[in-house]
PDB file of all heavy atoms in Angstrom:
ATOM      1  N   LEU A   1     264.682 157.451 107.094  1.00  0.00           N
ATOM      2  CA  LEU A   1     264.965 158.712 107.852  1.00  0.00           C
ATOM      3  C   LEU A   1     265.333 158.351 109.343  1.00  0.00           C
ATOM      4  O   LEU A   1     266.186 158.997 109.919  1.00  0.00           O
ATOM      5  CB  LEU A   1     263.523 159.439 108.054  1.00  0.00           C
ATOM      6  CG  LEU A   1     263.233 160.648 107.123  1.00  0.00           C
ATOM      7  CD1 LEU A   1     261.899 161.315 107.720  1.00  0.00           C
ATOM      8  CD2 LEU A   1     264.308 161.653 107.126  1.00  0.00           C
ATOM      9  N   LEU A   2     264.799 157.223 109.829  1.00  0.00           N
ATOM     10  CA  LEU A   2     265.144 156.817 111.216  1.00  0.00           C
ATOM     11  C   LEU A   2     266.399 155.922 111.181  1.00  0.00           C
ATOM     12  O   LEU A   2     266.965 155.615 112.249  1.00  0.00           O
ATOM     13  CB  LEU A   2     263.965 156.091 111.889  1.00  0.00           C
ATOM     14  CG  LEU A   2     262.797 156.968 112.133  1.00  0.00           C
ATOM     15  CD1 LEU A   2     261.659 156.021 112.825  1.00  0.00           C
ATOM     16  CD2 LEU A   2     263.070 158.087 113.039  1.00  0.00           C
ATOM     17  N   GLY A   3     266.849 155.454 110.057  1.00  0.00           N
ATOM     18  CA  GLY A   3     268.026 154.510 109.872  1.00  0.00           C
ATOM     19  C   GLY A   3     267.673 153.188 110.453  1.00  0.00           C
ATOM     20  O   GLY A   3     268.446 152.595 111.238  1.00  0.00           O
ATOM     21  N   VAL A   4     266.468 152.715 110.191  1.00  0.00           N
ATOM     22  CA  VAL A   4     266.154 151.315 110.643  1.00  0.00           C
ATOM     23  C   VAL A   4     265.509 150.574 109.430  1.00  0.00           C
ATOM     24  O   VAL A   4     265.126 151.111 108.487  1.00  0.00           O
ATOM     25  CB  VAL A   4     265.034 151.435 111.766  1.00  0.00           C
ATOM     26  CG1 VAL A   4     265.543 152.040 112.974  1.00  0.00           C
ATOM     27  CG2 VAL A   4     263.738 152.167 111.328  1.00  0.00           C
ATOM     28  N   GLN A   5     265.434 149.268 109.605  1.00  0.00           N
ATOM     29  CA  GLN A   5     264.970 148.343 108.608  1.00  0.00           C
ATOM     30  C   GLN A   5     263.466 148.306 108.866  1.00  0.00           C
ATOM     31  O   GLN A   5     262.923 148.321 110.023  1.00  0.00           O
ATOM     32  CB  GLN A   5     265.563 146.982 108.750  1.00  0.00           C
ATOM     33  CG  GLN A   5     266.942 146.863 108.426  1.00  0.00           C
ATOM     34  CD  GLN A   5     267.304 147.305 106.968  1.00  0.00           C
ATOM     35  OE1 GLN A   5     266.568 146.915 106.013  1.00  0.00           O
ATOM     36  NE2 GLN A   5     268.191 148.161 106.753  1.00  0.00           N
ATOM     37  N   PRO A   6     262.591 148.042 107.794  1.00  0.00           N
ATOM     38  CA  PRO A   6     261.175 147.878 107.963  1.00  0.00           C
ATOM     39  C   PRO A   6     260.884 146.783 109.092  1.00  0.00           C
ATOM     40  O   PRO A   6     259.860 146.872 109.834  1.00  0.00           O
ATOM     41  CB  PRO A   6     260.624 147.446 106.548  1.00  0.00           C
ATOM     42  CG  PRO A   6     261.668 148.022 105.713  1.00  0.00           C
ATOM     43  CD  PRO A   6     262.932 147.958 106.315  1.00  0.00           C
ATOM     44  N   ALA A   7     261.662 145.668 109.030  1.00  0.00           N
ATOM     45  CA  ALA A   7     261.401 144.530 109.956  1.00  0.00           C
ATOM     46  C   ALA A   7     261.685 144.941 111.417  1.00  0.00           C
ATOM     47  O   ALA A   7     261.358 144.178 112.335  1.00  0.00           O
ATOM     48  CB  ALA A   7     262.352 143.409 109.556  1.00  0.00           C
ATOM     49  N   GLU A   8     262.215 146.096 111.673  1.00  0.00           N
ATOM     50  CA  GLU A   8     262.309 146.672 113.019  1.00  0.00           C
ATOM     51  C   GLU A   8     261.320 147.684 113.459  1.00  0.00           C
ATOM     52  O   GLU A   8     261.312 148.151 114.502  1.00  0.00           O
ATOM     53  CB  GLU A   8     263.795 147.328 113.153  1.00  0.00           C
ATOM     54  CG  GLU A   8     264.958 146.508 112.755  1.00  0.00           C
ATOM     55  CD  GLU A   8     266.224 147.357 112.875  1.00  0.00           C
ATOM     56  OE1 GLU A   8     266.503 147.978 111.786  1.00  0.00           O
ATOM     57  OE2 GLU A   8     266.973 147.228 113.736  1.00  0.00           O
ATOM     58  N   CYS A   9     260.418 147.988 112.539  1.00  0.00           N
ATOM     59  CA  CYS A   9     259.523 149.083 112.819  1.00  0.00           C
ATOM     60  C   CYS A   9     258.036 148.560 113.173  1.00  0.00           C
ATOM     61  O   CYS A   9     257.600 147.576 112.630  1.00  0.00           O
ATOM     62  CB  CYS A   9     259.249 149.812 111.489  1.00  0.00           C
ATOM     63  SG  CYS A   9     260.253 151.236 111.567  1.00  0.00           S
ATOM     64  N   VAL A  10     257.362 149.290 114.005  1.00  0.00           N
ATOM     65  CA  VAL A  10     255.976 148.991 114.338  1.00  0.00           C
ATOM     66  C   VAL A  10     255.155 150.091 113.963  1.00  0.00           C
ATOM     67  O   VAL A  10     255.524 151.322 114.237  1.00  0.00           O
ATOM     68  CB  VAL A  10     255.834 148.752 115.844  1.00  0.00           C
ATOM     69  CG1 VAL A  10     254.396 148.668 116.302  1.00  0.00           C
ATOM     70  CG2 VAL A  10     256.677 147.570 116.322  1.00  0.00           C
ATOM     71  N   MET A  11     254.079 149.935 113.323  1.00  0.00           N
ATOM     72  CA  MET A  11     253.137 150.938 112.851  1.00  0.00           C
ATOM     73  C   MET A  11     251.942 150.992 113.866  1.00  0.00           C
ATOM     74  O   MET A  11     251.229 150.034 113.978  1.00  0.00           O
ATOM     75  CB  MET A  11     252.578 150.762 111.491  1.00  0.00           C
ATOM     76  CG  MET A  11     251.563 151.785 110.909  1.00  0.00           C
ATOM     77  SD  MET A  11     252.273 153.382 110.760  1.00  0.00           S
ATOM     78  CE  MET A  11     250.772 154.320 110.538  1.00  0.00           C
ATOM     79  N   VAL A  12     251.688 152.119 114.370  1.00  0.00           N
ATOM     80  CA  VAL A  12     250.472 152.320 115.156  1.00  0.00           C
ATOM     81  C   VAL A  12     249.471 153.349 114.665  1.00  0.00           C
ATOM     82  O   VAL A  12     249.914 154.499 114.230  1.00  0.00           O
ATOM     83  CB  VAL A  12     250.873 152.888 116.684  1.00  0.00           C
ATOM     84  CG1 VAL A  12     249.611 152.923 117.579  1.00  0.00           C
ATOM     85  CG2 VAL A  12     252.023 152.057 117.173  1.00  0.00           C
ATOM     86  N   GLY A  13     248.182 152.963 114.345  1.00  0.00           N
ATOM     87  CA  GLY A  13     247.277 153.897 113.745  1.00  0.00           C
ATOM     88  C   GLY A  13     245.871 153.560 113.832  1.00  0.00           C
ATOM     89  O   GLY A  13     245.554 152.434 114.289  1.00  0.00           O
ATOM     90  N   ASP A  14     244.936 154.446 113.581  1.00  0.00           N
ATOM     91  CA  ASP A  14     243.543 154.154 113.858  1.00  0.00           C
ATOM     92  C   ASP A  14     242.778 153.821 112.556  1.00  0.00           C
ATOM     93  O   ASP A  14     241.609 153.624 112.507  1.00  0.00           O
ATOM     94  CB  ASP A  14     242.823 155.385 114.501  1.00  0.00           C
ATOM     95  CG  ASP A  14     242.827 156.590 113.624  1.00  0.00           C
ATOM     96  OD1 ASP A  14     243.501 156.567 112.639  1.00  0.00           O
ATOM     97  OD2 ASP A  14     242.340 157.600 114.175  1.00  0.00           O
ATOM     98  N   SER A  15     243.525 153.806 111.365  1.00  0.00           N
ATOM     99  CA  SER A  15     242.884 153.485 110.201  1.00  0.00           C
ATOM    100  C   SER A  15     243.314 152.113 109.575  1.00  0.00           C
ATOM    101  O   SER A  15     244.511 151.926 109.350  1.00  0.00           O
ATOM    102  CB  SER A  15     243.119 154.610 109.107  1.00  0.00           C
ATOM    103  OG  SER A  15     242.927 154.095 107.800  1.00  0.00           O
ATOM    104  N   LEU A  16     242.197 151.252 109.378  1.00  0.00           N
ATOM    105  CA  LEU A  16     242.671 149.973 108.839  1.00  0.00           C
ATOM    106  C   LEU A  16     243.197 150.041 107.427  1.00  0.00           C
ATOM    107  O   LEU A  16     244.199 149.355 107.027  1.00  0.00           O
ATOM    108  CB  LEU A  16     241.437 148.948 108.933  1.00  0.00           C
ATOM    109  CG  LEU A  16     241.127 148.364 110.314  1.00  0.00           C
ATOM    110  CD1 LEU A  16     239.759 147.576 110.206  1.00  0.00           C
ATOM    111  CD2 LEU A  16     242.204 147.490 110.867  1.00  0.00           C
ATOM    112  N   ASP A  17     242.548 150.927 106.666  1.00  0.00           N
ATOM    113  CA  ASP A  17     242.866 151.059 105.259  1.00  0.00           C
ATOM    114  C   ASP A  17     244.235 151.639 104.945  1.00  0.00           C
ATOM    115  O   ASP A  17     244.788 151.279 104.037  1.00  0.00           O
ATOM    116  CB  ASP A  17     241.814 152.021 104.540  1.00  0.00           C
ATOM    117  CG  ASP A  17     240.422 151.399 104.554  1.00  0.00           C
ATOM    118  OD1 ASP A  17     240.303 150.172 104.757  1.00  0.00           O
ATOM    119  OD2 ASP A  17     239.420 152.108 104.549  1.00  0.00           O
ATOM    120  N   THR A  18     244.617 152.779 105.758  1.00  0.00           N
ATOM    121  CA  THR A  18     245.847 153.345 105.384  1.00  0.00           C
ATOM    122  C   THR A  18     246.987 152.952 106.397  1.00  0.00           C
ATOM    123  O   THR A  18     248.026 152.600 105.951  1.00  0.00           O
ATOM    124  CB  THR A  18     245.697 154.896 105.540  1.00  0.00           C
ATOM    125  OG1 THR A  18     245.285 155.252 106.805  1.00  0.00           O
ATOM    126  CG2 THR A  18     244.739 155.435 104.494  1.00  0.00           C
ATOM    127  N   ASP A  19     246.628 152.912 107.725  1.00  0.00           N
ATOM    128  CA  ASP A  19     247.828 152.623 108.717  1.00  0.00           C
ATOM    129  C   ASP A  19     248.129 151.185 108.696  1.00  0.00           C
ATOM    130  O   ASP A  19     249.240 150.836 108.529  1.00  0.00           O
ATOM    131  CB  ASP A  19     247.384 153.156 110.022  1.00  0.00           C
ATOM    132  CG  ASP A  19     247.112 154.576 110.118  1.00  0.00           C
ATOM    133  OD1 ASP A  19     247.881 155.318 109.401  1.00  0.00           O
ATOM    134  OD2 ASP A  19     246.234 155.041 110.867  1.00  0.00           O
ATOM    135  N   ILE A  20     247.127 150.342 108.930  1.00  0.00           N
ATOM    136  CA  ILE A  20     247.343 148.924 109.143  1.00  0.00           C
ATOM    137  C   ILE A  20     247.698 148.295 107.819  1.00  0.00           C
ATOM    138  O   ILE A  20     248.811 147.538 107.636  1.00  0.00           O
ATOM    139  CB  ILE A  20     246.059 148.218 109.762  1.00  0.00           C
ATOM    140  CG1 ILE A  20     245.806 148.905 111.071  1.00  0.00           C
ATOM    141  CG2 ILE A  20     246.428 146.628 109.958  1.00  0.00           C
ATOM    142  CD1 ILE A  20     246.961 149.003 112.101  1.00  0.00           C
ATOM    143  N   GLN A  21     246.888 148.582 106.725  1.00  0.00           N
ATOM    144  CA  GLN A  21     247.220 148.043 105.395  1.00  0.00           C
ATOM    145  C   GLN A  21     248.582 148.554 104.904  1.00  0.00           C
ATOM    146  O   GLN A  21     249.341 147.663 104.302  1.00  0.00           O
ATOM    147  CB  GLN A  21     246.108 148.490 104.365  1.00  0.00           C
ATOM    148  CG  GLN A  21     246.257 147.739 103.054  1.00  0.00           C
ATOM    149  CD  GLN A  21     246.133 146.257 103.166  1.00  0.00           C
ATOM    150  OE1 GLN A  21     244.930 145.803 103.551  1.00  0.00           O
ATOM    151  NE2 GLN A  21     247.143 145.505 102.758  1.00  0.00           N
ATOM    152  N   GLY A  22     248.862 149.717 105.238  1.00  0.00           N
ATOM    153  CA  GLY A  22     250.180 150.234 104.822  1.00  0.00           C
ATOM    154  C   GLY A  22     251.322 149.609 105.492  1.00  0.00           C
ATOM    155  O   GLY A  22     252.306 149.350 104.870  1.00  0.00           O
ATOM    156  N   GLY A  23     251.189 149.467 106.829  1.00  0.00           N
ATOM    157  CA  GLY A  23     252.231 148.682 107.561  1.00  0.00           C
ATOM    158  C   GLY A  23     252.419 147.247 106.960  1.00  0.00           C
ATOM    159  O   GLY A  23     253.562 146.917 106.975  1.00  0.00           O
ATOM    160  N   LEU A  24     251.375 146.625 106.739  1.00  0.00           N
ATOM    161  CA  LEU A  24     251.563 145.261 106.105  1.00  0.00           C
ATOM    162  C   LEU A  24     252.099 145.364 104.794  1.00  0.00           C
ATOM    163  O   LEU A  24     253.057 144.582 104.413  1.00  0.00           O
ATOM    164  CB  LEU A  24     250.056 144.582 106.020  1.00  0.00           C
ATOM    165  CG  LEU A  24     249.338 144.381 107.430  1.00  0.00           C
ATOM    166  CD1 LEU A  24     247.918 143.952 107.259  1.00  0.00           C
ATOM    167  CD2 LEU A  24     250.143 143.334 108.192  1.00  0.00           C
ATOM    168  N   ASN A  25     251.724 146.302 103.960  1.00  0.00           N
ATOM    169  CA  ASN A  25     252.239 146.336 102.564  1.00  0.00           C
ATOM    170  C   ASN A  25     253.804 146.723 102.588  1.00  0.00           C
ATOM    171  O   ASN A  25     254.559 146.151 101.840  1.00  0.00           O
ATOM    172  CB  ASN A  25     251.731 147.624 101.879  1.00  0.00           C
ATOM    173  CG  ASN A  25     250.207 147.430 101.410  1.00  0.00           C
ATOM    174  OD1 ASN A  25     249.670 146.357 101.608  1.00  0.00           O
ATOM    175  ND2 ASN A  25     249.584 148.478 100.993  1.00  0.00           N
ATOM    176  N   ALA A  26     254.286 147.438 103.664  1.00  0.00           N
ATOM    177  CA  ALA A  26     255.650 147.738 103.727  1.00  0.00           C
ATOM    178  C   ALA A  26     256.506 146.665 104.511  1.00  0.00           C
ATOM    179  O   ALA A  26     257.717 146.841 104.495  1.00  0.00           O
ATOM    180  CB  ALA A  26     255.747 149.065 104.459  1.00  0.00           C
ATOM    181  N   GLY A  27     255.778 145.684 104.856  1.00  0.00           N
ATOM    182  CA  GLY A  27     256.565 144.468 105.552  1.00  0.00           C
ATOM    183  C   GLY A  27     257.154 144.875 106.823  1.00  0.00           C
ATOM    184  O   GLY A  27     258.212 144.539 107.265  1.00  0.00           O
ATOM    185  N   LEU A  28     256.396 145.732 107.679  1.00  0.00           N
ATOM    186  CA  LEU A  28     256.928 146.137 108.934  1.00  0.00           C
ATOM    187  C   LEU A  28     256.800 144.934 109.917  1.00  0.00           C
ATOM    188  O   LEU A  28     256.060 143.983 109.689  1.00  0.00           O
ATOM    189  CB  LEU A  28     256.111 147.351 109.508  1.00  0.00           C
ATOM    190  CG  LEU A  28     256.069 148.669 108.583  1.00  0.00           C
ATOM    191  CD1 LEU A  28     255.526 149.798 109.420  1.00  0.00           C
ATOM    192  CD2 LEU A  28     257.426 149.010 108.166  1.00  0.00           C
ATOM    193  N   LYS A  29     257.546 145.032 111.162  1.00  0.00           N
ATOM    194  CA  LYS A  29     257.524 144.018 112.018  1.00  0.00           C
ATOM    195  C   LYS A  29     256.181 143.798 112.593  1.00  0.00           C
ATOM    196  O   LYS A  29     255.736 142.596 112.741  1.00  0.00           O
ATOM    197  CB  LYS A  29     258.408 144.355 113.275  1.00  0.00           C
ATOM    198  CG  LYS A  29     258.429 143.425 114.430  1.00  0.00           C
ATOM    199  CD  LYS A  29     259.538 143.673 115.248  1.00  0.00           C
ATOM    200  CE  LYS A  29     259.351 144.717 116.485  1.00  0.00           C
ATOM    201  NZ  LYS A  29     260.574 144.821 117.398  1.00  0.00           N
ATOM    202  N   ALA A  30     255.400 144.781 112.875  1.00  0.00           N
ATOM    203  CA  ALA A  30     254.066 144.552 113.395  1.00  0.00           C
ATOM    204  C   ALA A  30     253.176 145.801 113.175  1.00  0.00           C
ATOM    205  O   ALA A  30     253.710 146.909 112.935  1.00  0.00           O
ATOM    206  CB  ALA A  30     254.119 144.351 114.913  1.00  0.00           C
ATOM    207  N   THR A  31     251.838 145.591 113.150  1.00  0.00           N
ATOM    208  CA  THR A  31     250.935 146.668 113.101  1.00  0.00           C
ATOM    209  C   THR A  31     249.939 146.724 114.406  1.00  0.00           C
ATOM    210  O   THR A  31     249.622 145.550 114.818  1.00  0.00           O
ATOM    211  CB  THR A  31     250.026 146.539 111.905  1.00  0.00           C
ATOM    212  OG1 THR A  31     249.376 145.282 111.903  1.00  0.00           O
ATOM    213  CG2 THR A  31     250.833 146.740 110.584  1.00  0.00           C
ATOM    214  N   VAL A  32     249.747 147.932 114.932  1.00  0.00           N
ATOM    215  CA  VAL A  32     248.889 148.067 116.057  1.00  0.00           C
ATOM    216  C   VAL A  32     247.760 148.860 115.636  1.00  0.00           C
ATOM    217  O   VAL A  32     247.883 150.106 115.370  1.00  0.00           O
ATOM    218  CB  VAL A  32     249.663 148.648 117.286  1.00  0.00           C
ATOM    219  CG1 VAL A  32     248.813 148.620 118.564  1.00  0.00           C
ATOM    220  CG2 VAL A  32     250.845 147.684 117.592  1.00  0.00           C
ATOM    221  N   TRP A  33     246.554 148.402 115.873  1.00  0.00           N
ATOM    222  CA  TRP A  33     245.345 149.252 115.485  1.00  0.00           C
ATOM    223  C   TRP A  33     244.763 149.779 116.702  1.00  0.00           C
ATOM    224  O   TRP A  33     244.367 149.099 117.648  1.00  0.00           O
ATOM    225  CB  TRP A  33     244.321 148.275 114.767  1.00  0.00           C
ATOM    226  CG  TRP A  33     243.115 149.036 114.279  1.00  0.00           C
ATOM    227  CD1 TRP A  33     243.074 150.307 113.740  1.00  0.00           C
ATOM    228  CD2 TRP A  33     241.688 148.508 114.295  1.00  0.00           C
ATOM    229  NE1 TRP A  33     241.720 150.526 113.410  1.00  0.00           N
ATOM    230  CE2 TRP A  33     241.014 149.586 113.739  1.00  0.00           C
ATOM    231  CE3 TRP A  33     241.170 147.358 114.655  1.00  0.00           C
ATOM    232  CZ2 TRP A  33     239.558 149.366 113.614  1.00  0.00           C
ATOM    233  CZ3 TRP A  33     239.785 147.264 114.636  1.00  0.00           C
ATOM    234  CH2 TRP A  33     238.996 148.290 113.967  1.00  0.00           C
ATOM    235  N   LEU A  34     244.582 151.168 116.597  1.00  0.00           N
ATOM    236  CA  LEU A  34     243.964 151.881 117.675  1.00  0.00           C
ATOM    237  C   LEU A  34     242.484 151.925 117.365  1.00  0.00           C
ATOM    238  O   LEU A  34     242.097 152.621 116.486  1.00  0.00           O
ATOM    239  CB  LEU A  34     244.605 153.325 117.850  1.00  0.00           C
ATOM    240  CG  LEU A  34     243.867 154.142 118.792  1.00  0.00           C
ATOM    241  CD1 LEU A  34     243.909 153.736 120.285  1.00  0.00           C
ATOM    242  CD2 LEU A  34     244.551 155.635 118.779  1.00  0.00           C
ATOM    243  N   ASN A  35     241.710 151.150 118.050  1.00  0.00           N
ATOM    244  CA  ASN A  35     240.314 151.027 117.919  1.00  0.00           C
ATOM    245  C   ASN A  35     239.543 151.583 119.086  1.00  0.00           C
ATOM    246  O   ASN A  35     239.114 150.750 119.955  1.00  0.00           O
ATOM    247  CB  ASN A  35     239.902 149.643 117.529  1.00  0.00           C
ATOM    248  CG  ASN A  35     238.418 149.375 117.412  1.00  0.00           C
ATOM    249  OD1 ASN A  35     237.727 150.309 117.172  1.00  0.00           O
ATOM    250  ND2 ASN A  35     238.019 148.151 117.335  1.00  0.00           N
ATOM    251  N   LYS A  36     239.298 152.895 119.153  1.00  0.00           N
ATOM    252  CA  LYS A  36     238.821 153.452 120.405  1.00  0.00           C
ATOM    253  C   LYS A  36     237.461 152.955 120.741  1.00  0.00           C
ATOM    254  O   LYS A  36     237.211 152.737 121.920  1.00  0.00           O
ATOM    255  CB  LYS A  36     238.750 154.969 120.222  1.00  0.00           C
ATOM    256  CG  LYS A  36     240.054 155.569 120.429  1.00  0.00           C
ATOM    257  CD  LYS A  36     239.960 157.229 120.385  1.00  0.00           C
ATOM    258  CE  LYS A  36     241.283 157.814 120.427  1.00  0.00           C
ATOM    259  NZ  LYS A  36     241.355 159.122 119.913  1.00  0.00           N
ATOM    260  N   ALA A  37     236.670 152.602 119.811  1.00  0.00           N
ATOM    261  CA  ALA A  37     235.293 152.166 120.014  1.00  0.00           C
ATOM    262  C   ALA A  37     235.314 150.626 120.443  1.00  0.00           C
ATOM    263  O   ALA A  37     234.331 150.139 121.048  1.00  0.00           O
ATOM    264  CB  ALA A  37     234.482 152.367 118.810  1.00  0.00           C
ATOM    265  N   MET A  38     236.426 149.986 120.258  1.00  0.00           N
ATOM    266  CA  MET A  38     236.544 148.540 120.392  1.00  0.00           C
ATOM    267  C   MET A  38     235.310 147.831 119.663  1.00  0.00           C
ATOM    268  O   MET A  38     234.796 146.813 120.254  1.00  0.00           O
ATOM    269  CB  MET A  38     236.597 148.240 121.940  1.00  0.00           C
ATOM    270  CG  MET A  38     238.158 148.288 122.384  1.00  0.00           C
ATOM    271  SD  MET A  38     239.305 147.750 121.196  1.00  0.00           S
ATOM    272  CE  MET A  38     239.986 146.267 122.077  1.00  0.00           C
ATOM    273  N   THR A  39     234.846 148.320 118.640  1.00  0.00           N
ATOM    274  CA  THR A  39     233.822 147.624 117.834  1.00  0.00           C
ATOM    275  C   THR A  39     234.591 146.635 116.917  1.00  0.00           C
ATOM    276  O   THR A  39     235.599 146.955 116.384  1.00  0.00           O
ATOM    277  CB  THR A  39     233.035 148.672 116.983  1.00  0.00           C
ATOM    278  OG1 THR A  39     233.918 149.468 116.360  1.00  0.00           O
ATOM    279  CG2 THR A  39     232.152 149.490 117.888  1.00  0.00           C
ATOM    280  N   THR A  40     233.914 145.605 116.594  1.00  0.00           N
ATOM    281  CA  THR A  40     234.404 144.719 115.543  1.00  0.00           C
ATOM    282  C   THR A  40     234.119 145.147 114.216  1.00  0.00           C
ATOM    283  O   THR A  40     232.903 145.402 113.968  1.00  0.00           O
ATOM    284  CB  THR A  40     233.831 143.222 115.795  1.00  0.00           C
ATOM    285  OG1 THR A  40     233.715 142.968 117.162  1.00  0.00           O
ATOM    286  CG2 THR A  40     234.683 142.066 115.162  1.00  0.00           C
ATOM    287  N   PRO A  41     235.163 145.308 113.341  1.00  0.00           N
ATOM    288  CA  PRO A  41     234.853 145.876 112.099  1.00  0.00           C
ATOM    289  C   PRO A  41     234.101 144.834 111.198  1.00  0.00           C
ATOM    290  O   PRO A  41     234.207 143.573 111.459  1.00  0.00           O
ATOM    291  CB  PRO A  41     236.191 146.158 111.476  1.00  0.00           C
ATOM    292  CG  PRO A  41     237.180 145.299 112.256  1.00  0.00           C
ATOM    293  CD  PRO A  41     236.591 145.160 113.562  1.00  0.00           C
ATOM    294  N   VAL A  42     233.145 145.300 110.275  1.00  0.00           N
ATOM    295  CA  VAL A  42     232.340 144.380 109.445  1.00  0.00           C
ATOM    296  C   VAL A  42     233.359 143.639 108.679  1.00  0.00           C
ATOM    297  O   VAL A  42     233.256 142.401 108.456  1.00  0.00           O
ATOM    298  CB  VAL A  42     231.357 145.171 108.603  1.00  0.00           C
ATOM    299  CG1 VAL A  42     230.468 144.318 107.938  1.00  0.00           C
ATOM    300  CG2 VAL A  42     230.605 146.075 109.546  1.00  0.00           C
ATOM    301  N   ASP A  43     234.243 144.293 108.013  1.00  0.00           N
ATOM    302  CA  ASP A  43     235.206 143.747 107.104  1.00  0.00           C
ATOM    303  C   ASP A  43     236.466 143.498 107.907  1.00  0.00           C
ATOM    304  O   ASP A  43     237.142 144.453 108.392  1.00  0.00           O
ATOM    305  CB  ASP A  43     235.355 144.572 105.943  1.00  0.00           C
ATOM    306  CG  ASP A  43     236.488 144.130 105.167  1.00  0.00           C
ATOM    307  OD1 ASP A  43     236.885 142.850 105.277  1.00  0.00           O
ATOM    308  OD2 ASP A  43     237.049 144.862 104.188  1.00  0.00           O
ATOM    309  N   THR A  44     236.912 142.338 108.222  1.00  0.00           N
ATOM    310  CA  THR A  44     238.151 142.190 109.110  1.00  0.00           C
ATOM    311  C   THR A  44     239.397 142.140 108.363  1.00  0.00           C
ATOM    312  O   THR A  44     240.384 141.718 108.953  1.00  0.00           O
ATOM    313  CB  THR A  44     237.962 140.827 109.878  1.00  0.00           C
ATOM    314  OG1 THR A  44     237.473 139.829 108.976  1.00  0.00           O
ATOM    315  CG2 THR A  44     236.978 140.882 111.125  1.00  0.00           C
TER     316      THR A  44
END
């Protein structure tokens, strides 16, 4: 839709399961996790 390659894209989101995992699955350039609580997740 944006006319870009996955390797040019950055995913920003607050869900490790959908946003971060999804960005990694899709081979994006980088993933940025919004962790408002700044707590360390049990499962990293």
